[in-house]
Amino acid sequence: MKHIGYLAILPILGLLLGPVIHNSATPFILGLPFLLGWMVIWVVLTSVTMAIIYALDPARAASKAEINRR
């Protein structure tokens, strides 16, 4: 479970490498030019990724158990 922090690398890679790999304005995502749509999608996916990391964080579970014991 200590490797869960590596999930935080996914949004960084998505936001930085996506536009480099596919730099085009002609395809559209939800009516937006590709790069803008790509960034919007990764902003949402970043929130989802951080929520998953928060839910699976063993330190949070341990502190929650400590609070419940009191």
PDB file of N, CA and C in Angstrom:
ATOM      1  N   MET A   1       0.803  -1.199   0.000  1.00  0.00           N
ATOM      2  CA  MET A   1       0.000   0.000   0.000  1.00  0.00           C
ATOM      3  C   MET A   1       0.850   1.270   0.000  1.00  0.00           C
ATOM      4  N   LYS A   2       2.143   1.159   0.232  1.00  0.00           N
ATOM      5  CA  LYS A   2       2.977   2.350   0.248  1.00  0.00           C
ATOM      6  C   LYS A   2       3.186   2.913  -1.152  1.00  0.00           C
ATOM      7  N   HIS A   3       2.883   2.143  -2.156  1.00  0.00           N
ATOM      8  CA  HIS A   3       3.092   2.588  -3.530  1.00  0.00           C
ATOM      9  C   HIS A   3       1.895   3.344  -4.080  1.00  0.00           C
ATOM     10  N   ILE A   4       0.906   3.593  -3.263  1.00  0.00           N
ATOM     11  CA  ILE A   4      -0.290   4.290  -3.745  1.00  0.00           C
ATOM     12  C   ILE A   4       0.003   5.729  -4.137  1.00  0.00           C
ATOM     13  N   GLY A   5       1.044   6.312  -3.569  1.00  0.00           N
ATOM     14  CA  GLY A   5       1.424   7.671  -3.931  1.00  0.00           C
ATOM     15  C   GLY A   5       1.861   7.805  -5.372  1.00  0.00           C
ATOM     16  N   TYR A   6       2.251   6.713  -5.989  1.00  0.00           N
ATOM     17  CA  TYR A   6       2.651   6.758  -7.393  1.00  0.00           C
ATOM     18  C   TYR A   6       1.467   7.080  -8.307  1.00  0.00           C
ATOM     19  N   LEU A   7       0.253   6.896  -7.814  1.00  0.00           N
ATOM     20  CA  LEU A   7      -0.918   7.278  -8.609  1.00  0.00           C
ATOM     21  C   LEU A   7      -0.933   8.779  -8.883  1.00  0.00           C
ATOM     22  N   ALA A   8      -0.314   9.546  -8.020  1.00  0.00           N
ATOM     23  CA  ALA A   8      -0.278  10.996  -8.199  1.00  0.00           C
ATOM     24  C   ALA A   8       0.542  11.407  -9.422  1.00  0.00           C
ATOM     25  N   ILE A   9       1.328  10.504  -9.950  1.00  0.00           N
ATOM     26  CA  ILE A   9       2.127  10.803 -11.139  1.00  0.00           C
ATOM     27  C   ILE A   9       1.261  10.795 -12.401  1.00  0.00           C
ATOM     28  N   LEU A  10       0.175  10.035 -12.402  1.00  0.00           N
ATOM     29  CA  LEU A  10      -0.671   9.921 -13.592  1.00  0.00           C
ATOM     30  C   LEU A  10      -1.191  11.267 -14.094  1.00  0.00           C
ATOM     31  N   PRO A  11      -1.774  12.117 -13.244  1.00  0.00           N
ATOM     32  CA  PRO A  11      -2.249  13.402 -13.767  1.00  0.00           C
ATOM     33  C   PRO A  11      -1.129  14.284 -14.322  1.00  0.00           C
ATOM     34  N   ILE A  12       0.024  14.224 -13.695  1.00  0.00           N
ATOM     35  CA  ILE A  12       1.151  15.019 -14.191  1.00  0.00           C
ATOM     36  C   ILE A  12       1.543  14.551 -15.586  1.00  0.00           C
ATOM     37  N   LEU A  13       1.638  13.246 -15.750  1.00  0.00           N
ATOM     38  CA  LEU A  13       1.984  12.714 -17.070  1.00  0.00           C
ATOM     39  C   LEU A  13       0.914  13.032 -18.097  1.00  0.00           C
ATOM     40  N   GLY A  14      -0.346  12.914 -17.701  1.00  0.00           N
ATOM     41  CA  GLY A  14      -1.439  13.205 -18.623  1.00  0.00           C
ATOM     42  C   GLY A  14      -1.462  14.649 -19.069  1.00  0.00           C
ATOM     43  N   LEU A  15      -1.231  15.553 -18.138  1.00  0.00           N
ATOM     44  CA  LEU A  15      -1.268  16.977 -18.480  1.00  0.00           C
ATOM     45  C   LEU A  15      -0.034  17.433 -19.265  1.00  0.00           C
ATOM     46  N   LEU A  16       1.113  16.850 -18.975  1.00  0.00           N
ATOM     47  CA  LEU A  16       2.336  17.301 -19.631  1.00  0.00           C
ATOM     48  C   LEU A  16       2.656  16.569 -20.931  1.00  0.00           C
ATOM     49  N   LEU A  17       2.416  15.271 -20.962  1.00  0.00           N
ATOM     50  CA  LEU A  17       2.809  14.501 -22.144  1.00  0.00           C
ATOM     51  C   LEU A  17       1.729  14.419 -23.216  1.00  0.00           C
ATOM     52  N   GLY A  18       0.479  14.561 -22.830  1.00  0.00           N
ATOM     53  CA  GLY A  18      -0.611  14.484 -23.798  1.00  0.00           C
ATOM     54  C   GLY A  18      -0.506  15.502 -24.910  1.00  0.00           C
ATOM     55  N   PRO A  19      -0.371  16.775 -24.582  1.00  0.00           N
ATOM     56  CA  PRO A  19      -0.254  17.775 -25.652  1.00  0.00           C
ATOM     57  C   PRO A  19       0.999  17.617 -26.502  1.00  0.00           C
ATOM     58  N   VAL A  20       2.059  17.084 -25.944  1.00  0.00           N
ATOM     59  CA  VAL A  20       3.280  16.883 -26.716  1.00  0.00           C
ATOM     60  C   VAL A  20       3.084  15.767 -27.738  1.00  0.00           C
ATOM     61  N   ILE A  21       2.382  14.724 -27.330  1.00  0.00           N
ATOM     62  CA  ILE A  21       2.168  13.576 -28.218  1.00  0.00           C
ATOM     63  C   ILE A  21       1.182  13.909 -29.332  1.00  0.00           C
ATOM     64  N   HIS A  22       0.102  14.591 -28.991  1.00  0.00           N
ATOM     65  CA  HIS A  22      -0.927  14.870 -29.993  1.00  0.00           C
ATOM     66  C   HIS A  22      -1.265  16.349 -29.972  1.00  0.00           C
ATOM     67  N   ASN A  23      -0.542  17.133 -30.723  1.00  0.00           N
ATOM     68  CA  ASN A  23      -0.733  18.574 -30.759  1.00  0.00           C
ATOM     69  C   ASN A  23      -1.540  18.931 -32.004  1.00  0.00           C
ATOM     70  N   SER A  24      -2.865  18.931 -31.852  1.00  0.00           N
ATOM     71  CA  SER A  24      -3.731  19.219 -32.978  1.00  0.00           C
ATOM     72  C   SER A  24      -4.984  19.933 -32.494  1.00  0.00           C
ATOM     73  N   ALA A  25      -5.525  20.798 -33.307  1.00  0.00           N
ATOM     74  CA  ALA A  25      -6.741  21.522 -32.944  1.00  0.00           C
ATOM     75  C   ALA A  25      -7.953  21.015 -33.700  1.00  0.00           C
ATOM     76  N   THR A  26      -7.773  20.136 -34.676  1.00  0.00           N
ATOM     77  CA  THR A  26      -8.902  19.733 -35.503  1.00  0.00           C
ATOM     78  C   THR A  26      -9.852  18.749 -34.845  1.00  0.00           C
ATOM     79  N   PRO A  27      -9.419  17.696 -34.153  1.00  0.00           N
ATOM     80  CA  PRO A  27     -10.436  16.868 -33.508  1.00  0.00           C
ATOM     81  C   PRO A  27     -11.028  17.615 -32.310  1.00  0.00           C
ATOM     82  N   PHE A  28     -12.281  17.311 -32.014  1.00  0.00           N
ATOM     83  CA  PHE A  28     -12.962  17.991 -30.925  1.00  0.00           C
ATOM     84  C   PHE A  28     -13.362  17.006 -29.846  1.00  0.00           C
ATOM     85  N   ILE A  29     -13.262  17.437 -28.593  1.00  0.00           N
ATOM     86  CA  ILE A  29     -13.713  16.666 -27.440  1.00  0.00           C
ATOM     87  C   ILE A  29     -14.801  17.485 -26.776  1.00  0.00           C
ATOM     88  N   LEU A  30     -16.017  16.985 -26.796  1.00  0.00           N
ATOM     89  CA  LEU A  30     -17.163  17.685 -26.211  1.00  0.00           C
ATOM     90  C   LEU A  30     -17.300  19.106 -26.768  1.00  0.00           C
ATOM     91  N   GLY A  31     -17.012  19.284 -28.035  1.00  0.00           N
ATOM     92  CA  GLY A  31     -17.135  20.577 -28.689  1.00  0.00           C
ATOM     93  C   GLY A  31     -15.965  21.507 -28.473  1.00  0.00           C
ATOM     94  N   LEU A  32     -14.968  21.079 -27.734  1.00  0.00           N
ATOM     95  CA  LEU A  32     -13.787  21.901 -27.474  1.00  0.00           C
ATOM     96  C   LEU A  32     -12.643  21.429 -28.369  1.00  0.00           C
ATOM     97  N   PRO A  33     -11.740  22.339 -28.725  1.00  0.00           N
ATOM     98  CA  PRO A  33     -10.546  21.876 -29.442  1.00  0.00           C
ATOM     99  C   PRO A  33      -9.814  20.818 -28.615  1.00  0.00           C
ATOM    100  N   PHE A  34      -9.105  19.954 -29.285  1.00  0.00           N
ATOM    101  CA  PHE A  34      -8.524  18.778 -28.629  1.00  0.00           C
ATOM    102  C   PHE A  34      -7.720  19.126 -27.387  1.00  0.00           C
ATOM    103  N   LEU A  35      -6.792  20.076 -27.478  1.00  0.00           N
ATOM    104  CA  LEU A  35      -5.922  20.371 -26.337  1.00  0.00           C
ATOM    105  C   LEU A  35      -6.701  20.918 -25.154  1.00  0.00           C
ATOM    106  N   LEU A  36      -7.668  21.775 -25.394  1.00  0.00           N
ATOM    107  CA  LEU A  36      -8.478  22.308 -24.303  1.00  0.00           C
ATOM    108  C   LEU A  36      -9.329  21.204 -23.682  1.00  0.00           C
ATOM    109  N   GLY A  37      -9.921  20.365 -24.529  1.00  0.00           N
ATOM    110  CA  GLY A  37     -10.691  19.234 -24.021  1.00  0.00           C
ATOM    111  C   GLY A  37      -9.838  18.265 -23.226  1.00  0.00           C
ATOM    112  N   TRP A  38      -8.616  18.033 -23.697  1.00  0.00           N
ATOM    113  CA  TRP A  38      -7.670  17.152 -23.003  1.00  0.00           C
ATOM    114  C   TRP A  38      -7.360  17.675 -21.613  1.00  0.00           C
ATOM    115  N   MET A  39      -7.117  18.981 -21.509  1.00  0.00           N
ATOM    116  CA  MET A  39      -6.805  19.591 -20.213  1.00  0.00           C
ATOM    117  C   MET A  39      -8.002  19.527 -19.272  1.00  0.00           C
ATOM    118  N   VAL A  40      -9.194  19.781 -19.781  1.00  0.00           N
ATOM    119  CA  VAL A  40     -10.398  19.728 -18.941  1.00  0.00           C
ATOM    120  C   VAL A  40     -10.612  18.313 -18.413  1.00  0.00           C
ATOM    121  N   ILE A  41     -10.452  17.331 -19.265  1.00  0.00           N
ATOM    122  CA  ILE A  41     -10.622  15.938 -18.842  1.00  0.00           C
ATOM    123  C   ILE A  41      -9.605  15.581 -17.768  1.00  0.00           C
ATOM    124  N   TRP A  42      -8.358  16.021 -17.925  1.00  0.00           N
ATOM    125  CA  TRP A  42      -7.335  15.682 -16.930  1.00  0.00           C
ATOM    126  C   TRP A  42      -7.508  16.436 -15.623  1.00  0.00           C
ATOM    127  N   VAL A  43      -8.118  17.597 -15.646  1.00  0.00           N
ATOM    128  CA  VAL A  43      -8.429  18.281 -14.391  1.00  0.00           C
ATOM    129  C   VAL A  43      -9.446  17.468 -13.605  1.00  0.00           C
ATOM    130  N   VAL A  44     -10.455  16.946 -14.285  1.00  0.00           N
ATOM    131  CA  VAL A  44     -11.457  16.095 -13.625  1.00  0.00           C
ATOM    132  C   VAL A  44     -10.817  14.790 -13.155  1.00  0.00           C
ATOM    133  N   LEU A  45     -10.000  14.175 -13.996  1.00  0.00           N
ATOM    134  CA  LEU A  45      -9.347  12.921 -13.623  1.00  0.00           C
ATOM    135  C   LEU A  45      -8.362  13.106 -12.466  1.00  0.00           C
ATOM    136  N   THR A  46      -7.772  14.281 -12.356  1.00  0.00           N
ATOM    137  CA  THR A  46      -6.893  14.564 -11.221  1.00  0.00           C
ATOM    138  C   THR A  46      -7.683  14.528  -9.921  1.00  0.00           C
ATOM    139  N   SER A  47      -8.864  15.110  -9.924  1.00  0.00           N
ATOM    140  CA  SER A  47      -9.713  15.072  -8.725  1.00  0.00           C
ATOM    141  C   SER A  47     -10.105  13.646  -8.371  1.00  0.00           C
ATOM    142  N   VAL A  48     -10.435  12.856  -9.364  1.00  0.00           N
ATOM    143  CA  VAL A  48     -10.800  11.449  -9.127  1.00  0.00           C
ATOM    144  C   VAL A  48      -9.605  10.679  -8.581  1.00  0.00           C
ATOM    145  N   THR A  49      -8.436  10.904  -9.160  1.00  0.00           N
ATOM    146  CA  THR A  49      -7.223  10.222  -8.703  1.00  0.00           C
ATOM    147  C   THR A  49      -6.887  10.582  -7.261  1.00  0.00           C
ATOM    148  N   MET A  50      -6.995  11.854  -6.925  1.00  0.00           N
ATOM    149  CA  MET A  50      -6.704  12.281  -5.547  1.00  0.00           C
ATOM    150  C   MET A  50      -7.726  11.722  -4.561  1.00  0.00           C
ATOM    151  N   ALA A  51      -8.975  11.586  -4.985  1.00  0.00           N
ATOM    152  CA  ALA A  51      -9.992  10.978  -4.127  1.00  0.00           C
ATOM    153  C   ALA A  51      -9.682   9.506  -3.877  1.00  0.00           C
ATOM    154  N   ILE A  52      -9.201   8.808  -4.888  1.00  0.00           N
ATOM    155  CA  ILE A  52      -8.817   7.401  -4.726  1.00  0.00           C
ATOM    156  C   ILE A  52      -7.626   7.285  -3.785  1.00  0.00           C
ATOM    157  N   ILE A  53      -6.640   8.143  -3.955  1.00  0.00           N
ATOM    158  CA  ILE A  53      -5.473   8.118  -3.070  1.00  0.00           C
ATOM    159  C   ILE A  53      -5.896   8.390  -1.634  1.00  0.00           C
ATOM    160  N   TYR A  54      -6.783   9.348  -1.430  1.00  0.00           N
ATOM    161  CA  TYR A  54      -7.268   9.674  -0.088  1.00  0.00           C
ATOM    162  C   TYR A  54      -8.006   8.489   0.533  1.00  0.00           C
ATOM    163  N   ALA A  55      -8.854   7.839  -0.262  1.00  0.00           N
ATOM    164  CA  ALA A  55      -9.642   6.717   0.257  1.00  0.00           C
ATOM    165  C   ALA A  55      -8.774   5.515   0.614  1.00  0.00           C
ATOM    166  N   LEU A  56      -7.698   5.292  -0.117  1.00  0.00           N
ATOM    167  CA  LEU A  56      -6.857   4.122   0.096  1.00  0.00           C
ATOM    168  C   LEU A  56      -5.645   4.388   0.983  1.00  0.00           C
ATOM    169  N   ASP A  57      -5.505   5.602   1.480  1.00  0.00           N
ATOM    170  CA  ASP A  57      -4.341   5.977   2.277  1.00  0.00           C
ATOM    171  C   ASP A  57      -4.358   5.264   3.633  1.00  0.00           C
ATOM    172  N   PRO A  58      -3.356   4.430   3.924  1.00  0.00           N
ATOM    173  CA  PRO A  58      -3.350   3.704   5.194  1.00  0.00           C
ATOM    174  C   PRO A  58      -3.157   4.627   6.404  1.00  0.00           C
ATOM    175  N   ALA A  59      -2.475   5.731   6.252  1.00  0.00           N
ATOM    176  CA  ALA A  59      -2.288   6.653   7.375  1.00  0.00           C
ATOM    177  C   ALA A  59      -3.620   7.273   7.786  1.00  0.00           C
ATOM    178  N   ARG A  60      -4.476   7.564   6.823  1.00  0.00           N
ATOM    179  CA  ARG A  60      -5.792   8.111   7.133  1.00  0.00           C
ATOM    180  C   ARG A  60      -6.640   7.080   7.862  1.00  0.00           C
ATOM    181  N   ALA A  61      -6.576   5.844   7.422  1.00  0.00           N
ATOM    182  CA  ALA A  61      -7.334   4.779   8.078  1.00  0.00           C
ATOM    183  C   ALA A  61      -6.844   4.569   9.507  1.00  0.00           C
ATOM    184  N   ALA A  62      -5.543   4.655   9.725  1.00  0.00           N
ATOM    185  CA  ALA A  62      -4.994   4.479  11.068  1.00  0.00           C
ATOM    186  C   ALA A  62      -5.420   5.615  11.986  1.00  0.00           C
ATOM    187  N   SER A  63      -5.390   6.844  11.487  1.00  0.00           N
ATOM    188  CA  SER A  63      -5.800   7.966  12.327  1.00  0.00           C
ATOM    189  C   SER A  63      -7.295   7.929  12.604  1.00  0.00           C
ATOM    190  N   LYS A  64      -8.070   7.447  11.640  1.00  0.00           N
ATOM    191  CA  LYS A  64      -9.515   7.312  11.852  1.00  0.00           C
ATOM    192  C   LYS A  64      -9.798   6.263  12.915  1.00  0.00           C
ATOM    193  N   ALA A  65      -9.046   5.160  12.897  1.00  0.00           N
ATOM    194  CA  ALA A  65      -9.210   4.127  13.919  1.00  0.00           C
ATOM    195  C   ALA A  65      -8.800   4.647  15.282  1.00  0.00           C
ATOM    196  N   GLU A  66      -7.770   5.460  15.344  1.00  0.00           N
ATOM    197  CA  GLU A  66      -7.319   6.051  16.601  1.00  0.00           C
ATOM    198  C   GLU A  66      -8.387   6.970  17.175  1.00  0.00           C
ATOM    199  N   ILE A  67      -9.016   7.738  16.347  1.00  0.00           N
ATOM    200  CA  ILE A  67     -10.077   8.640  16.811  1.00  0.00           C
ATOM    201  C   ILE A  67     -11.279   7.849  17.315  1.00  0.00           C
ATOM    202  N   ASN A  68     -11.599   6.757  16.631  1.00  0.00           N
ATOM    203  CA  ASN A  68     -12.753   5.940  17.039  1.00  0.00           C
ATOM    204  C   ASN A  68     -12.507   5.209  18.353  1.00  0.00           C
ATOM    205  N   ARG A  69     -11.253   4.946  18.717  1.00  0.00           N
ATOM    206  CA  ARG A  69     -10.947   4.256  19.975  1.00  0.00           C
ATOM    207  C   ARG A  69     -11.124   5.170  21.180  1.00  0.00           C
ATOM    208  N   ARG A  70     -11.075   6.453  20.986  1.00  0.00           N
ATOM    209  CA  ARG A  70     -11.189   7.399  22.103  1.00  0.00           C
ATOM    210  C   ARG A  70     -12.583   7.534  22.583  1.00  0.00           C
TER     211      ARG A  70
END
